[in-house]
Amino acid sequence: MALHPCTGWFALVGARVEIRNGSRTVRAGTVEDAMPDSSVLWLAAEGNQPRALYEAAEGYEAWTEPNESEGPDRYRYTADRLFLAAHG
């Protein structure tokens, strides 16, 4: 499945994402937390990678697969919801 950019970072808490800056992939991981205005997100520590903060204002983007999350909100990542979050 193809990855899609998501500007609604607050809705990504608990989801696996790929962080990109321009065309370069910076890191992949699980979103641990995000600001309510989706200006900042934190990726959880994994393996030898520490917890990391990424700011939208610095050009970082979060890319994810639709329908990837689990639990009661698992359908929030449908392609339609990603489109609405990006074009709101």
PDB file of N, CA and C in Angstrom:
ATOM      1  N   MET A   1       0.845  -1.173   0.000  1.00  0.00           N
ATOM      2  CA  MET A   1       0.000   0.000   0.000  1.00  0.00           C
ATOM      3  C   MET A   1       0.895   1.242   0.000  1.00  0.00           C
ATOM      4  N   ALA A   2       0.489   2.255  -0.706  1.00  0.00           N
ATOM      5  CA  ALA A   2       1.266   3.484  -0.821  1.00  0.00           C
ATOM      6  C   ALA A   2       1.102   4.367   0.421  1.00  0.00           C
ATOM      7  N   LEU A   3       2.156   5.078   0.754  1.00  0.00           N
ATOM      8  CA  LEU A   3       2.100   6.034   1.855  1.00  0.00           C
ATOM      9  C   LEU A   3       1.481   7.333   1.372  1.00  0.00           C
ATOM     10  N   HIS A   4       0.802   8.026   2.292  1.00  0.00           N
ATOM     11  CA  HIS A   4       0.163   9.301   1.990  1.00  0.00           C
ATOM     12  C   HIS A   4       0.581  10.322   3.032  1.00  0.00           C
ATOM     13  N   PRO A   5       0.777  11.587   2.628  1.00  0.00           N
ATOM     14  CA  PRO A   5       1.102  12.611   3.621  1.00  0.00           C
ATOM     15  C   PRO A   5      -0.128  12.928   4.469  1.00  0.00           C
ATOM     16  N   CYS A   6       0.108  13.232   5.727  1.00  0.00           N
ATOM     17  CA  CYS A   6      -0.985  13.573   6.627  1.00  0.00           C
ATOM     18  C   CYS A   6      -0.599  14.815   7.415  1.00  0.00           C
ATOM     19  N   THR A   7      -1.350  15.884   7.254  1.00  0.00           N
ATOM     20  CA  THR A   7      -1.062  17.116   7.980  1.00  0.00           C
ATOM     21  C   THR A   7      -1.753  17.141   9.341  1.00  0.00           C
ATOM     22  N   GLY A   8      -2.721  16.287   9.560  1.00  0.00           N
ATOM     23  CA  GLY A   8      -3.409  16.213  10.846  1.00  0.00           C
ATOM     24  C   GLY A   8      -2.640  15.326  11.807  1.00  0.00           C
ATOM     25  N   TRP A   9      -1.473  15.774  12.246  1.00  0.00           N
ATOM     26  CA  TRP A   9      -0.591  14.951  13.068  1.00  0.00           C
ATOM     27  C   TRP A   9      -1.240  14.504  14.367  1.00  0.00           C
ATOM     28  N   PHE A  10      -2.117  15.292  14.928  1.00  0.00           N
ATOM     29  CA  PHE A  10      -2.739  14.928  16.201  1.00  0.00           C
ATOM     30  C   PHE A  10      -3.515  13.616  16.077  1.00  0.00           C
ATOM     31  N   ALA A  11      -4.046  13.343  14.891  1.00  0.00           N
ATOM     32  CA  ALA A  11      -4.802  12.105  14.660  1.00  0.00           C
ATOM     33  C   ALA A  11      -3.898  10.896  14.470  1.00  0.00           C
ATOM     34  N   LEU A  12      -2.584  11.106  14.409  1.00  0.00           N
ATOM     35  CA  LEU A  12      -1.647  10.014  14.147  1.00  0.00           C
ATOM     36  C   LEU A  12      -1.063   9.378  15.402  1.00  0.00           C
ATOM     37  N   VAL A  13      -1.425   9.849  16.580  1.00  0.00           N
ATOM     38  CA  VAL A  13      -0.873   9.297  17.816  1.00  0.00           C
ATOM     39  C   VAL A  13      -1.137   7.786  17.848  1.00  0.00           C
ATOM     40  N   GLY A  14      -0.066   7.019  18.008  1.00  0.00           N
ATOM     41  CA  GLY A  14      -0.155   5.560  18.027  1.00  0.00           C
ATOM     42  C   GLY A  14       0.069   4.904  16.680  1.00  0.00           C
ATOM     43  N   ALA A  15       0.129   5.680  15.619  1.00  0.00           N
ATOM     44  CA  ALA A  15       0.301   5.127  14.271  1.00  0.00           C
ATOM     45  C   ALA A  15       1.769   5.070  13.873  1.00  0.00           C
ATOM     46  N   ARG A  16       2.092   4.147  12.983  1.00  0.00           N
ATOM     47  CA  ARG A  16       3.432   4.092  12.383  1.00  0.00           C
ATOM     48  C   ARG A  16       3.474   5.108  11.253  1.00  0.00           C
ATOM     49  N   VAL A  17       4.536   5.887  11.214  1.00  0.00           N
ATOM     50  CA  VAL A  17       4.696   6.898  10.176  1.00  0.00           C
ATOM     51  C   VAL A  17       6.122   6.895   9.652  1.00  0.00           C
ATOM     52  N   GLU A  18       6.282   7.540   8.527  1.00  0.00           N
ATOM     53  CA  GLU A  18       7.594   7.819   7.973  1.00  0.00           C
ATOM     54  C   GLU A  18       7.730   9.338   7.995  1.00  0.00           C
ATOM     55  N   ILE A  19       8.788   9.863   8.601  1.00  0.00           N
ATOM     56  CA  ILE A  19       9.028  11.297   8.641  1.00  0.00           C
ATOM     57  C   ILE A  19       9.912  11.653   7.453  1.00  0.00           C
ATOM     58  N   ARG A  20       9.470  12.633   6.687  1.00  0.00           N
ATOM     59  CA  ARG A  20      10.225  13.076   5.513  1.00  0.00           C
ATOM     60  C   ARG A  20      10.472  14.576   5.593  1.00  0.00           C
ATOM     61  N   ASN A  21      11.564  14.985   4.975  1.00  0.00           N
ATOM     62  CA  ASN A  21      11.866  16.395   4.813  1.00  0.00           C
ATOM     63  C   ASN A  21      12.258  16.553   3.357  1.00  0.00           C
ATOM     64  N   GLY A  22      11.379  17.177   2.585  1.00  0.00           N
ATOM     65  CA  GLY A  22      11.569  17.196   1.133  1.00  0.00           C
ATOM     66  C   GLY A  22      11.393  15.785   0.611  1.00  0.00           C
ATOM     67  N   SER A  23      12.321  15.342  -0.207  1.00  0.00           N
ATOM     68  CA  SER A  23      12.228  13.988  -0.763  1.00  0.00           C
ATOM     69  C   SER A  23      13.013  12.971   0.070  1.00  0.00           C
ATOM     70  N   ARG A  24      13.607  13.418   1.181  1.00  0.00           N
ATOM     71  CA  ARG A  24      14.452  12.554   2.005  1.00  0.00           C
ATOM     72  C   ARG A  24      13.680  11.980   3.192  1.00  0.00           C
ATOM     73  N   THR A  25      13.744  10.657   3.356  1.00  0.00           N
ATOM     74  CA  THR A  25      13.166  10.017   4.531  1.00  0.00           C
ATOM     75  C   THR A  25      14.145  10.180   5.682  1.00  0.00           C
ATOM     76  N   VAL A  26      13.660  10.768   6.780  1.00  0.00           N
ATOM     77  CA  VAL A  26      14.494  11.045   7.942  1.00  0.00           C
ATOM     78  C   VAL A  26      14.461   9.882   8.928  1.00  0.00           C
ATOM     79  N   ARG A  27      13.276   9.377   9.185  1.00  0.00           N
ATOM     80  CA  ARG A  27      13.110   8.306  10.169  1.00  0.00           C
ATOM     81  C   ARG A  27      11.711   7.724  10.058  1.00  0.00           C
ATOM     82  N   ALA A  28      11.559   6.497  10.490  1.00  0.00           N
ATOM     83  CA  ALA A  28      10.245   5.863  10.591  1.00  0.00           C
ATOM     84  C   ALA A  28      10.045   5.450  12.038  1.00  0.00           C
ATOM     85  N   GLY A  29       8.802   5.468  12.492  1.00  0.00           N
ATOM     86  CA  GLY A  29       8.537   5.070  13.862  1.00  0.00           C
ATOM     87  C   GLY A  29       7.087   5.275  14.241  1.00  0.00           C
ATOM     88  N   THR A  30       6.815   5.141  15.533  1.00  0.00           N
ATOM     89  CA  THR A  30       5.470   5.278  16.071  1.00  0.00           C
ATOM     90  C   THR A  30       5.313   6.655  16.696  1.00  0.00           C
ATOM     91  N   VAL A  31       4.221   7.335  16.336  1.00  0.00           N
ATOM     92  CA  VAL A  31       3.954   8.653  16.903  1.00  0.00           C
ATOM     93  C   VAL A  31       3.543   8.464  18.357  1.00  0.00           C
ATOM     94  N   GLU A  32       4.328   9.039  19.261  1.00  0.00           N
ATOM     95  CA  GLU A  32       4.044   8.939  20.688  1.00  0.00           C
ATOM     96  C   GLU A  32       3.082  10.032  21.138  1.00  0.00           C
ATOM     97  N   ASP A  33       3.246  11.220  20.558  1.00  0.00           N
ATOM     98  CA  ASP A  33       2.392  12.334  20.944  1.00  0.00           C
ATOM     99  C   ASP A  33       2.473  13.402  19.861  1.00  0.00           C
ATOM    100  N   ALA A  34       1.514  14.316  19.875  1.00  0.00           N
ATOM    101  CA  ALA A  34       1.492  15.420  18.922  1.00  0.00           C
ATOM    102  C   ALA A  34       0.750  16.591  19.547  1.00  0.00           C
ATOM    103  N   MET A  35       1.118  17.789  19.145  1.00  0.00           N
ATOM    104  CA  MET A  35       0.417  18.977  19.616  1.00  0.00           C
ATOM    105  C   MET A  35      -0.989  18.992  19.010  1.00  0.00           C
ATOM    106  N   PRO A  36      -1.975  19.521  19.732  1.00  0.00           N
ATOM    107  CA  PRO A  36      -3.350  19.574  19.205  1.00  0.00           C
ATOM    108  C   PRO A  36      -3.474  20.329  17.884  1.00  0.00           C
ATOM    109  N   ASP A  37      -2.576  21.292  17.640  1.00  0.00           N
ATOM    110  CA  ASP A  37      -2.629  22.032  16.379  1.00  0.00           C
ATOM    111  C   ASP A  37      -1.789  21.378  15.286  1.00  0.00           C
ATOM    112  N   SER A  38      -1.243  20.194  15.558  1.00  0.00           N
ATOM    113  CA  SER A  38      -0.450  19.412  14.607  1.00  0.00           C
ATOM    114  C   SER A  38       0.820  20.132  14.146  1.00  0.00           C
ATOM    115  N   SER A  39       1.362  21.009  14.983  1.00  0.00           N
ATOM    116  CA  SER A  39       2.590  21.722  14.636  1.00  0.00           C
ATOM    117  C   SER A  39       3.839  20.920  14.979  1.00  0.00           C
ATOM    118  N   VAL A  40       3.724  19.996  15.923  1.00  0.00           N
ATOM    119  CA  VAL A  40       4.862  19.214  16.403  1.00  0.00           C
ATOM    120  C   VAL A  40       4.399  17.797  16.695  1.00  0.00           C
ATOM    121  N   LEU A  41       5.268  16.823  16.393  1.00  0.00           N
ATOM    122  CA  LEU A  41       4.996  15.454  16.823  1.00  0.00           C
ATOM    123  C   LEU A  41       6.258  14.846  17.389  1.00  0.00           C
ATOM    124  N   TRP A  42       6.081  13.844  18.240  1.00  0.00           N
ATOM    125  CA  TRP A  42       7.183  13.116  18.838  1.00  0.00           C
ATOM    126  C   TRP A  42       7.097  11.668  18.389  1.00  0.00           C
ATOM    127  N   LEU A  43       8.206  11.146  17.899  1.00  0.00           N
ATOM    128  CA  LEU A  43       8.297   9.715  17.630  1.00  0.00           C
ATOM    129  C   LEU A  43       8.845   9.051  18.877  1.00  0.00           C
ATOM    130  N   ALA A  44       8.291   7.902  19.223  1.00  0.00           N
ATOM    131  CA  ALA A  44       8.733   7.139  20.390  1.00  0.00           C
ATOM    132  C   ALA A  44      10.129   6.580  20.159  1.00  0.00           C
ATOM    133  N   ALA A  45      10.840   6.374  21.250  1.00  0.00           N
ATOM    134  CA  ALA A  45      12.140   5.717  21.176  1.00  0.00           C
ATOM    135  C   ALA A  45      11.942   4.284  20.690  1.00  0.00           C
ATOM    136  N   GLU A  46      12.834   3.838  19.821  1.00  0.00           N
ATOM    137  CA  GLU A  46      12.789   2.456  19.309  1.00  0.00           C
ATOM    138  C   GLU A  46      14.205   1.977  19.109  1.00  0.00           C
ATOM    139  N   GLY A  47      14.532   0.840  19.681  1.00  0.00           N
ATOM    140  CA  GLY A  47      15.884   0.301  19.531  1.00  0.00           C
ATOM    141  C   GLY A  47      16.912   1.302  20.019  1.00  0.00           C
ATOM    142  N   ASN A  48      17.876   1.645  19.166  1.00  0.00           N
ATOM    143  CA  ASN A  48      18.896   2.621  19.550  1.00  0.00           C
ATOM    144  C   ASN A  48      18.516   4.049  19.148  1.00  0.00           C
ATOM    145  N   GLN A  49      17.300   4.239  18.639  1.00  0.00           N
ATOM    146  CA  GLN A  49      16.818   5.566  18.247  1.00  0.00           C
ATOM    147  C   GLN A  49      16.116   6.210  19.448  1.00  0.00           C
ATOM    148  N   PRO A  50      16.546   7.397  19.885  1.00  0.00           N
ATOM    149  CA  PRO A  50      15.882   8.058  21.007  1.00  0.00           C
ATOM    150  C   PRO A  50      14.553   8.688  20.581  1.00  0.00           C
ATOM    151  N   ARG A  51      13.771   9.085  21.565  1.00  0.00           N
ATOM    152  CA  ARG A  51      12.553   9.849  21.284  1.00  0.00           C
ATOM    153  C   ARG A  51      12.971  11.090  20.496  1.00  0.00           C
ATOM    154  N   ALA A  52      12.185  11.475  19.493  1.00  0.00           N
ATOM    155  CA  ALA A  52      12.567  12.599  18.638  1.00  0.00           C
ATOM    156  C   ALA A  52      11.380  13.506  18.361  1.00  0.00           C
ATOM    157  N   LEU A  53      11.660  14.789  18.257  1.00  0.00           N
ATOM    158  CA  LEU A  53      10.655  15.814  18.008  1.00  0.00           C
ATOM    159  C   LEU A  53      10.821  16.328  16.580  1.00  0.00           C
ATOM    160  N   TYR A  54       9.704  16.517  15.877  1.00  0.00           N
ATOM    161  CA  TYR A  54       9.716  17.053  14.513  1.00  0.00           C
ATOM    162  C   TYR A  54       8.695  18.169  14.409  1.00  0.00           C
ATOM    163  N   GLU A  55       9.086  19.280  13.788  1.00  0.00           N
ATOM    164  CA  GLU A  55       8.219  20.441  13.653  1.00  0.00           C
ATOM    165  C   GLU A  55       7.803  20.631  12.195  1.00  0.00           C
ATOM    166  N   ALA A  56       6.514  20.830  11.978  1.00  0.00           N
ATOM    167  CA  ALA A  56       6.001  21.069  10.630  1.00  0.00           C
ATOM    168  C   ALA A  56       6.623  22.332  10.031  1.00  0.00           C
ATOM    169  N   ALA A  57       6.854  23.355  10.856  1.00  0.00           N
ATOM    170  CA  ALA A  57       7.417  24.617  10.377  1.00  0.00           C
ATOM    171  C   ALA A  57       8.833  24.449   9.814  1.00  0.00           C
ATOM    172  N   GLU A  58       9.508  23.369  10.179  1.00  0.00           N
ATOM    173  CA  GLU A  58      10.847  23.108   9.663  1.00  0.00           C
ATOM    174  C   GLU A  58      10.817  22.238   8.402  1.00  0.00           C
ATOM    175  N   GLY A  59       9.627  22.008   7.867  1.00  0.00           N
ATOM    176  CA  GLY A  59       9.494  21.264   6.618  1.00  0.00           C
ATOM    177  C   GLY A  59       9.305  19.770   6.759  1.00  0.00           C
ATOM    178  N   TYR A  60       9.136  19.277   7.982  1.00  0.00           N
ATOM    179  CA  TYR A  60       8.932  17.844   8.162  1.00  0.00           C
ATOM    180  C   TYR A  60       7.497  17.473   7.808  1.00  0.00           C
ATOM    181  N   GLU A  61       7.349  16.282   7.241  1.00  0.00           N
ATOM    182  CA  GLU A  61       6.037  15.745   6.893  1.00  0.00           C
ATOM    183  C   GLU A  61       5.914  14.344   7.471  1.00  0.00           C
ATOM    184  N   ALA A  62       4.704  13.960   7.853  1.00  0.00           N
ATOM    185  CA  ALA A  62       4.420  12.605   8.329  1.00  0.00           C
ATOM    186  C   ALA A  62       3.641  11.877   7.242  1.00  0.00           C
ATOM    187  N   TRP A  63       4.151  10.749   6.812  1.00  0.00           N
ATOM    188  CA  TRP A  63       3.512   9.921   5.794  1.00  0.00           C
ATOM    189  C   TRP A  63       3.098   8.614   6.447  1.00  0.00           C
ATOM    190  N   THR A  64       1.918   8.125   6.095  1.00  0.00           N
ATOM    191  CA  THR A  64       1.415   6.884   6.690  1.00  0.00           C
ATOM    192  C   THR A  64       0.566   6.112   5.693  1.00  0.00           C
ATOM    193  N   GLU A  65       0.296   4.862   6.039  1.00  0.00           N
ATOM    194  CA  GLU A  65      -0.582   4.025   5.225  1.00  0.00           C
ATOM    195  C   GLU A  65      -2.014   4.155   5.722  1.00  0.00           C
ATOM    196  N   PRO A  66      -2.971   4.289   4.837  1.00  0.00           N
ATOM    197  CA  PRO A  66      -4.375   4.282   5.271  1.00  0.00           C
ATOM    198  C   PRO A  66      -4.708   2.970   5.971  1.00  0.00           C
ATOM    199  N   ASN A  67      -5.605   3.035   6.966  1.00  0.00           N
ATOM    200  CA  ASN A  67      -6.089   1.868   7.706  1.00  0.00           C
ATOM    201  C   ASN A  67      -5.025   1.156   8.515  1.00  0.00           C
ATOM    202  N   GLU A  68      -3.931   1.842   8.856  1.00  0.00           N
ATOM    203  CA  GLU A  68      -2.869   1.165   9.576  1.00  0.00           C
ATOM    204  C   GLU A  68      -3.116   1.066  11.074  1.00  0.00           C
ATOM    205  N   SER A  69      -3.842   1.984  11.669  1.00  0.00           N
ATOM    206  CA  SER A  69      -3.990   1.988  13.126  1.00  0.00           C
ATOM    207  C   SER A  69      -4.892   0.849  13.591  1.00  0.00           C
ATOM    208  N   GLU A  70      -4.767   0.534  14.876  1.00  0.00           N
ATOM    209  CA  GLU A  70      -5.575  -0.531  15.475  1.00  0.00           C
ATOM    210  C   GLU A  70      -6.537   0.068  16.491  1.00  0.00           C
ATOM    211  N   GLY A  71      -7.461  -0.728  16.954  1.00  0.00           N
ATOM    212  CA  GLY A  71      -8.373  -0.275  17.997  1.00  0.00           C
ATOM    213  C   GLY A  71      -9.611   0.403  17.442  1.00  0.00           C
ATOM    214  N   PRO A  72     -10.374   1.068  18.319  1.00  0.00           N
ATOM    215  CA  PRO A  72     -11.671   1.627  17.919  1.00  0.00           C
ATOM    216  C   PRO A  72     -11.580   2.728  16.864  1.00  0.00           C
ATOM    217  N   ASP A  73     -10.413   3.376  16.733  1.00  0.00           N
ATOM    218  CA  ASP A  73     -10.263   4.442  15.743  1.00  0.00           C
ATOM    219  C   ASP A  73      -9.548   3.974  14.480  1.00  0.00           C
ATOM    220  N   ARG A  74      -9.516   2.680  14.250  1.00  0.00           N
ATOM    221  CA  ARG A  74      -8.686   2.162  13.164  1.00  0.00           C
ATOM    222  C   ARG A  74      -9.080   2.659  11.787  1.00  0.00           C
ATOM    223  N   TYR A  75     -10.307   3.139  11.615  1.00  0.00           N
ATOM    224  CA  TYR A  75     -10.706   3.586  10.280  1.00  0.00           C
ATOM    225  C   TYR A  75     -10.427   5.060  10.038  1.00  0.00           C
ATOM    226  N   ARG A  76      -9.819   5.734  11.016  1.00  0.00           N
ATOM    227  CA  ARG A  76      -9.560   7.158  10.842  1.00  0.00           C
ATOM    228  C   ARG A  76      -8.508   7.442   9.774  1.00  0.00           C
ATOM    229  N   TYR A  77      -7.782   6.424   9.332  1.00  0.00           N
ATOM    230  CA  TYR A  77      -6.740   6.621   8.336  1.00  0.00           C
ATOM    231  C   TYR A  77      -7.148   6.170   6.946  1.00  0.00           C
ATOM    232  N   THR A  78      -8.415   6.213   6.643  1.00  0.00           N
ATOM    233  CA  THR A  78      -8.831   5.875   5.293  1.00  0.00           C
ATOM    234  C   THR A  78      -8.300   6.936   4.343  1.00  0.00           C
ATOM    235  N   ALA A  79      -8.173   6.629   3.086  1.00  0.00           N
ATOM    236  CA  ALA A  79      -7.664   7.584   2.117  1.00  0.00           C
ATOM    237  C   ALA A  79      -8.503   8.862   2.134  1.00  0.00           C
ATOM    238  N   ASP A  80      -9.827   8.732   2.312  1.00  0.00           N
ATOM    239  CA  ASP A  80     -10.704   9.901   2.345  1.00  0.00           C
ATOM    240  C   ASP A  80     -10.371  10.802   3.532  1.00  0.00           C
ATOM    241  N   ARG A  81     -10.148  10.205   4.707  1.00  0.00           N
ATOM    242  CA  ARG A  81      -9.815  10.996   5.903  1.00  0.00           C
ATOM    243  C   ARG A  81      -8.462  11.670   5.746  1.00  0.00           C
ATOM    244  N   LEU A  82      -7.497  10.989   5.132  1.00  0.00           N
ATOM    245  CA  LEU A  82      -6.191  11.615   4.898  1.00  0.00           C
ATOM    246  C   LEU A  82      -6.342  12.793   3.960  1.00  0.00           C
ATOM    247  N   PHE A  83      -7.188  12.650   2.932  1.00  0.00           N
ATOM    248  CA  PHE A  83      -7.414  13.749   1.999  1.00  0.00           C
ATOM    249  C   PHE A  83      -8.066  14.923   2.724  1.00  0.00           C
ATOM    250  N   LEU A  84      -9.052  14.650   3.571  1.00  0.00           N
ATOM    251  CA  LEU A  84      -9.716  15.728   4.305  1.00  0.00           C
ATOM    252  C   LEU A  84      -8.755  16.409   5.266  1.00  0.00           C
ATOM    253  N   ALA A  85      -7.881  15.643   5.932  1.00  0.00           N
ATOM    254  CA  ALA A  85      -6.929  16.244   6.860  1.00  0.00           C
ATOM    255  C   ALA A  85      -5.937  17.133   6.111  1.00  0.00           C
ATOM    256  N   ALA A  86      -5.557  16.731   4.913  1.00  0.00           N
ATOM    257  CA  ALA A  86      -4.582  17.492   4.145  1.00  0.00           C
ATOM    258  C   ALA A  86      -5.209  18.712   3.452  1.00  0.00           C
ATOM    259  N   HIS A  87      -6.486  18.622   3.138  1.00  0.00           N
ATOM    260  CA  HIS A  87      -7.114  19.681   2.350  1.00  0.00           C
ATOM    261  C   HIS A  87      -8.274  20.339   3.080  1.00  0.00           C
ATOM    262  N   GLY A  88      -8.482  19.953   4.339  1.00  0.00           N
ATOM    263  CA  GLY A  88      -9.465  20.368   5.268  1.00  0.00           C
ATOM    264  C   GLY A  88     -10.458  21.338   4.995  1.00  0.00           C
TER     265      GLY A  88
END
